[in-house]
Amino acid sequence: MDAADLIQLIYYSTAQREMSEADLLALLATSRERNARLGITGMLLYGGGVFLQVLEGPATAVEQLYTRLARDPRHHGLIELERERITARSFPDWSMGFQHLSATSPITAQLKGAFALDRRGQGLDKPGLSPGIALDLLRQFARAQR
């Protein structure tokens, strides 16, 4: 695949209801299988009823997946933070990296400058918060997992 065909899309959304560990595991199992088949990699963070996700891969596949995600009844209020062409993947080895964040999660303390996610998505719409910060948060998480 030509690197010029790669895009990265970052969005957040609100869960229709609080997701249990079993819900999240089922979501991840199907997502990882589908993403591997489509050549999509990325990261998903979940906490306080809010999803923050980065998808990267062939433009057509990512666009089709995002359209499908927008219709998924498990969440609503998708807000796109960033969509751009990329020359290399930030998460090349993860069909879907994941972390369930909570205020007491050890990983939350490891994320320099982390902010709390809550059901209304407060913290993601603060003045001065740019898409670069969302990607930085995801990258910091990825580094902490190595």
C-alpha atoms as a PDB file:
ATOM      1  CA  MET A   1       0.000   0.000   0.000  1.00  0.00           C
ATOM      2  CA  ASP A   2       1.204   3.467  -0.861  1.00  0.00           C
ATOM      3  CA  ALA A   3       1.820   5.558   2.279  1.00  0.00           C
ATOM      4  CA  ALA A   4      -0.041   8.420   0.570  1.00  0.00           C
ATOM      5  CA  ASP A   5      -3.218   6.350   0.984  1.00  0.00           C
ATOM      6  CA  LEU A   6      -2.957   6.279   4.796  1.00  0.00           C
ATOM      7  CA  ILE A   7      -5.102   8.476   7.020  1.00  0.00           C
ATOM      8  CA  GLN A   8      -5.454   8.901  10.735  1.00  0.00           C
ATOM      9  CA  LEU A   9      -8.801   9.823  12.290  1.00  0.00           C
ATOM     10  CA  ILE A  10      -9.299  10.726  15.955  1.00  0.00           C
ATOM     11  CA  TYR A  11     -12.725  11.142  17.542  1.00  0.00           C
ATOM     12  CA  TYR A  12     -14.513  10.934  20.833  1.00  0.00           C
ATOM     13  CA  SER A  13     -18.065   9.904  21.678  1.00  0.00           C
ATOM     14  CA  THR A  14     -20.337   9.193  24.623  1.00  0.00           C
ATOM     15  CA  ALA A  15     -21.535   5.701  25.492  1.00  0.00           C
ATOM     16  CA  GLN A  16     -25.308   5.217  25.606  1.00  0.00           C
ATOM     17  CA  ARG A  17     -24.756   3.533  28.976  1.00  0.00           C
ATOM     18  CA  GLU A  18     -21.769   2.718  31.157  1.00  0.00           C
ATOM     19  CA  MET A  19     -19.887  -0.182  29.571  1.00  0.00           C
ATOM     20  CA  SER A  20     -19.067  -3.188  31.750  1.00  0.00           C
ATOM     21  CA  GLU A  21     -15.797  -5.078  31.441  1.00  0.00           C
ATOM     22  CA  ALA A  22     -17.695  -7.843  29.583  1.00  0.00           C
ATOM     23  CA  ASP A  23     -19.164  -5.261  27.170  1.00  0.00           C
ATOM     24  CA  LEU A  24     -15.718  -3.826  26.508  1.00  0.00           C
ATOM     25  CA  LEU A  25     -14.121  -7.246  25.977  1.00  0.00           C
ATOM     26  CA  ALA A  26     -16.822  -8.197  23.455  1.00  0.00           C
ATOM     27  CA  LEU A  27     -16.404  -4.863  21.663  1.00  0.00           C
ATOM     28  CA  LEU A  28     -12.636  -5.328  21.489  1.00  0.00           C
ATOM     29  CA  ALA A  29     -12.821  -8.906  20.215  1.00  0.00           C
ATOM     30  CA  THR A  30     -14.972  -7.964  17.229  1.00  0.00           C
ATOM     31  CA  SER A  31     -13.090  -4.695  16.613  1.00  0.00           C
ATOM     32  CA  ARG A  32      -9.681  -6.337  16.598  1.00  0.00           C
ATOM     33  CA  GLU A  33     -10.785  -9.039  14.180  1.00  0.00           C
ATOM     34  CA  ARG A  34     -12.454  -6.576  11.816  1.00  0.00           C
ATOM     35  CA  ASN A  35      -9.612  -4.053  11.981  1.00  0.00           C
ATOM     36  CA  ALA A  36      -6.981  -6.692  11.237  1.00  0.00           C
ATOM     37  CA  ARG A  37      -8.984  -7.802   8.198  1.00  0.00           C
ATOM     38  CA  LEU A  38      -9.301  -4.184   6.951  1.00  0.00           C
ATOM     39  CA  GLY A  39      -5.692  -3.171   7.646  1.00  0.00           C
ATOM     40  CA  ILE A  40      -6.741  -0.673  10.318  1.00  0.00           C
ATOM     41  CA  THR A  41      -4.670  -0.059  13.445  1.00  0.00           C
ATOM     42  CA  GLY A  42      -5.246   2.265  16.360  1.00  0.00           C
ATOM     43  CA  MET A  43      -6.016   2.841  19.989  1.00  0.00           C
ATOM     44  CA  LEU A  44      -9.177   3.107  22.084  1.00  0.00           C
ATOM     45  CA  LEU A  45      -9.393   4.706  25.511  1.00  0.00           C
ATOM     46  CA  TYR A  46     -12.579   4.419  27.557  1.00  0.00           C
ATOM     47  CA  GLY A  47     -13.448   6.043  30.850  1.00  0.00           C
ATOM     48  CA  GLY A  48     -16.444   7.557  32.544  1.00  0.00           C
ATOM     49  CA  GLY A  49     -18.727   6.692  29.646  1.00  0.00           C
ATOM     50  CA  VAL A  50     -16.524   8.423  27.059  1.00  0.00           C
ATOM     51  CA  PHE A  51     -14.574   6.847  24.191  1.00  0.00           C
ATOM     52  CA  LEU A  52     -11.468   8.448  22.673  1.00  0.00           C
ATOM     53  CA  GLN A  53     -10.241   6.579  19.616  1.00  0.00           C
ATOM     54  CA  VAL A  54      -7.633   6.882  16.883  1.00  0.00           C
ATOM     55  CA  LEU A  55      -8.035   4.882  13.684  1.00  0.00           C
ATOM     56  CA  GLU A  56      -5.339   4.669  11.026  1.00  0.00           C
ATOM     57  CA  GLY A  57      -5.077   2.802   7.785  1.00  0.00           C
ATOM     58  CA  PRO A  58      -6.128   2.927   4.144  1.00  0.00           C
ATOM     59  CA  ALA A  59      -8.304   6.007   3.613  1.00  0.00           C
ATOM     60  CA  THR A  60     -11.248   4.078   2.159  1.00  0.00           C
ATOM     61  CA  ALA A  61     -11.270   1.515   4.979  1.00  0.00           C
ATOM     62  CA  VAL A  62     -11.009   4.142   7.738  1.00  0.00           C
ATOM     63  CA  GLU A  63     -13.744   6.306   6.170  1.00  0.00           C
ATOM     64  CA  GLN A  64     -16.079   3.321   5.835  1.00  0.00           C
ATOM     65  CA  LEU A  65     -15.425   2.232   9.410  1.00  0.00           C
ATOM     66  CA  TYR A  66     -16.041   5.745  10.756  1.00  0.00           C
ATOM     67  CA  THR A  67     -19.346   5.890   8.861  1.00  0.00           C
ATOM     68  CA  ARG A  68     -20.289   2.555  10.435  1.00  0.00           C
ATOM     69  CA  LEU A  69     -19.223   3.746  13.896  1.00  0.00           C
ATOM     70  CA  ALA A  70     -21.402   6.848  13.538  1.00  0.00           C
ATOM     71  CA  ARG A  71     -24.438   4.521  13.239  1.00  0.00           C
ATOM     72  CA  ASP A  72     -23.441   2.231  16.130  1.00  0.00           C
ATOM     73  CA  PRO A  73     -26.171   2.447  18.807  1.00  0.00           C
ATOM     74  CA  ARG A  74     -23.717   1.831  21.666  1.00  0.00           C
ATOM     75  CA  HIS A  75     -22.561   5.446  21.546  1.00  0.00           C
ATOM     76  CA  HIS A  76     -23.614   8.871  20.313  1.00  0.00           C
ATOM     77  CA  GLY A  77     -22.358  12.398  19.815  1.00  0.00           C
ATOM     78  CA  LEU A  78     -19.263  11.533  17.796  1.00  0.00           C
ATOM     79  CA  ILE A  79     -16.967  14.532  17.566  1.00  0.00           C
ATOM     80  CA  GLU A  80     -14.119  14.335  15.102  1.00  0.00           C
ATOM     81  CA  LEU A  81     -10.943  15.836  16.537  1.00  0.00           C
ATOM     82  CA  GLU A  82      -8.582  15.203  13.640  1.00  0.00           C
ATOM     83  CA  ARG A  83      -8.500  13.638  10.196  1.00  0.00           C
ATOM     84  CA  GLU A  84      -5.280  13.807   8.218  1.00  0.00           C
ATOM     85  CA  ARG A  85      -3.119  11.992   5.738  1.00  0.00           C
ATOM     86  CA  ILE A  86      -0.126  10.305   7.341  1.00  0.00           C
ATOM     87  CA  THR A  87       3.060   8.778   5.986  1.00  0.00           C
ATOM     88  CA  ALA A  88       3.509   6.300   8.844  1.00  0.00           C
ATOM     89  CA  ARG A  89       1.291   4.733  11.478  1.00  0.00           C
ATOM     90  CA  SER A  90       1.550   5.712  15.137  1.00  0.00           C
ATOM     91  CA  PHE A  91       0.189   2.295  16.221  1.00  0.00           C
ATOM     92  CA  PRO A  92       1.485  -0.122  13.561  1.00  0.00           C
ATOM     93  CA  ASP A  93       1.333  -3.242  15.735  1.00  0.00           C
ATOM     94  CA  TRP A  94      -2.085  -2.757  17.335  1.00  0.00           C
ATOM     95  CA  SER A  95      -5.259  -3.766  15.507  1.00  0.00           C
ATOM     96  CA  MET A  96      -6.867  -2.016  18.476  1.00  0.00           C
ATOM     97  CA  GLY A  97      -4.871  -1.081  21.552  1.00  0.00           C
ATOM     98  CA  PHE A  98      -7.133  -0.461  24.535  1.00  0.00           C
ATOM     99  CA  GLN A  99      -7.227   0.881  28.065  1.00  0.00           C
ATOM    100  CA  HIS A 100     -10.167   1.303  30.419  1.00  0.00           C
ATOM    101  CA  LEU A 101      -9.324   4.452  32.378  1.00  0.00           C
ATOM    102  CA  SER A 102     -10.714   5.355  35.759  1.00  0.00           C
ATOM    103  CA  ALA A 103      -9.726   7.924  38.334  1.00  0.00           C
ATOM    104  CA  THR A 104      -7.922   5.193  40.303  1.00  0.00           C
ATOM    105  CA  SER A 105      -6.327   3.450  37.329  1.00  0.00           C
ATOM    106  CA  PRO A 106      -2.524   3.187  37.690  1.00  0.00           C
ATOM    107  CA  ILE A 107      -2.112   4.103  34.012  1.00  0.00           C
ATOM    108  CA  THR A 108      -3.985   7.390  34.537  1.00  0.00           C
ATOM    109  CA  ALA A 109      -1.276   8.545  36.924  1.00  0.00           C
ATOM    110  CA  GLN A 110       1.419   7.595  34.375  1.00  0.00           C
ATOM    111  CA  LEU A 111      -0.044   9.804  31.650  1.00  0.00           C
ATOM    112  CA  LYS A 112       1.714  13.141  31.956  1.00  0.00           C
ATOM    113  CA  GLY A 113      -0.868  15.897  31.809  1.00  0.00           C
ATOM    114  CA  ALA A 114      -3.783  13.444  31.653  1.00  0.00           C
ATOM    115  CA  PHE A 115      -7.236  14.880  32.102  1.00  0.00           C
ATOM    116  CA  ALA A 116     -10.347  13.215  33.445  1.00  0.00           C
ATOM    117  CA  LEU A 117     -12.953  12.022  30.999  1.00  0.00           C
ATOM    118  CA  ASP A 118     -16.522  12.121  32.148  1.00  0.00           C
ATOM    119  CA  ARG A 119     -19.927  11.265  30.717  1.00  0.00           C
ATOM    120  CA  ARG A 120     -20.352  14.733  29.158  1.00  0.00           C
ATOM    121  CA  GLY A 121     -16.904  14.697  27.558  1.00  0.00           C
ATOM    122  CA  GLN A 122     -15.787  17.616  29.690  1.00  0.00           C
ATOM    123  CA  GLY A 123     -12.059  17.980  29.500  1.00  0.00           C
ATOM    124  CA  LEU A 124     -11.963  17.234  25.785  1.00  0.00           C
ATOM    125  CA  ASP A 125     -13.514  20.555  24.831  1.00  0.00           C
ATOM    126  CA  LYS A 126     -11.432  22.824  27.046  1.00  0.00           C
ATOM    127  CA  PRO A 127     -10.203  25.997  25.355  1.00  0.00           C
ATOM    128  CA  GLY A 128      -6.774  25.403  23.894  1.00  0.00           C
ATOM    129  CA  LEU A 129      -7.128  21.613  23.636  1.00  0.00           C
ATOM    130  CA  SER A 130      -6.021  20.708  20.141  1.00  0.00           C
ATOM    131  CA  PRO A 131      -6.204  17.452  18.211  1.00  0.00           C
ATOM    132  CA  GLY A 132      -2.466  17.141  18.778  1.00  0.00           C
ATOM    133  CA  ILE A 133      -3.105  16.767  22.496  1.00  0.00           C
ATOM    134  CA  ALA A 134      -5.511  13.872  21.881  1.00  0.00           C
ATOM    135  CA  LEU A 135      -2.918  12.083  19.790  1.00  0.00           C
ATOM    136  CA  ASP A 136      -0.213  12.886  22.353  1.00  0.00           C
ATOM    137  CA  LEU A 137      -2.364  11.307  25.067  1.00  0.00           C
ATOM    138  CA  LEU A 138      -2.786   8.156  22.999  1.00  0.00           C
ATOM    139  CA  ARG A 139       0.939   8.017  22.189  1.00  0.00           C
ATOM    140  CA  GLN A 140       1.873   8.433  25.858  1.00  0.00           C
ATOM    141  CA  PHE A 141      -0.397   5.535  26.687  1.00  0.00           C
ATOM    142  CA  ALA A 142       1.196   3.397  23.959  1.00  0.00           C
ATOM    143  CA  ARG A 143       4.698   4.158  25.266  1.00  0.00           C
ATOM    144  CA  ALA A 144       3.661   3.326  28.840  1.00  0.00           C
ATOM    145  CA  GLN A 145       2.495  -0.108  27.689  1.00  0.00           C
ATOM    146  CA  ARG A 146       5.855  -1.114  26.178  1.00  0.00           C
END
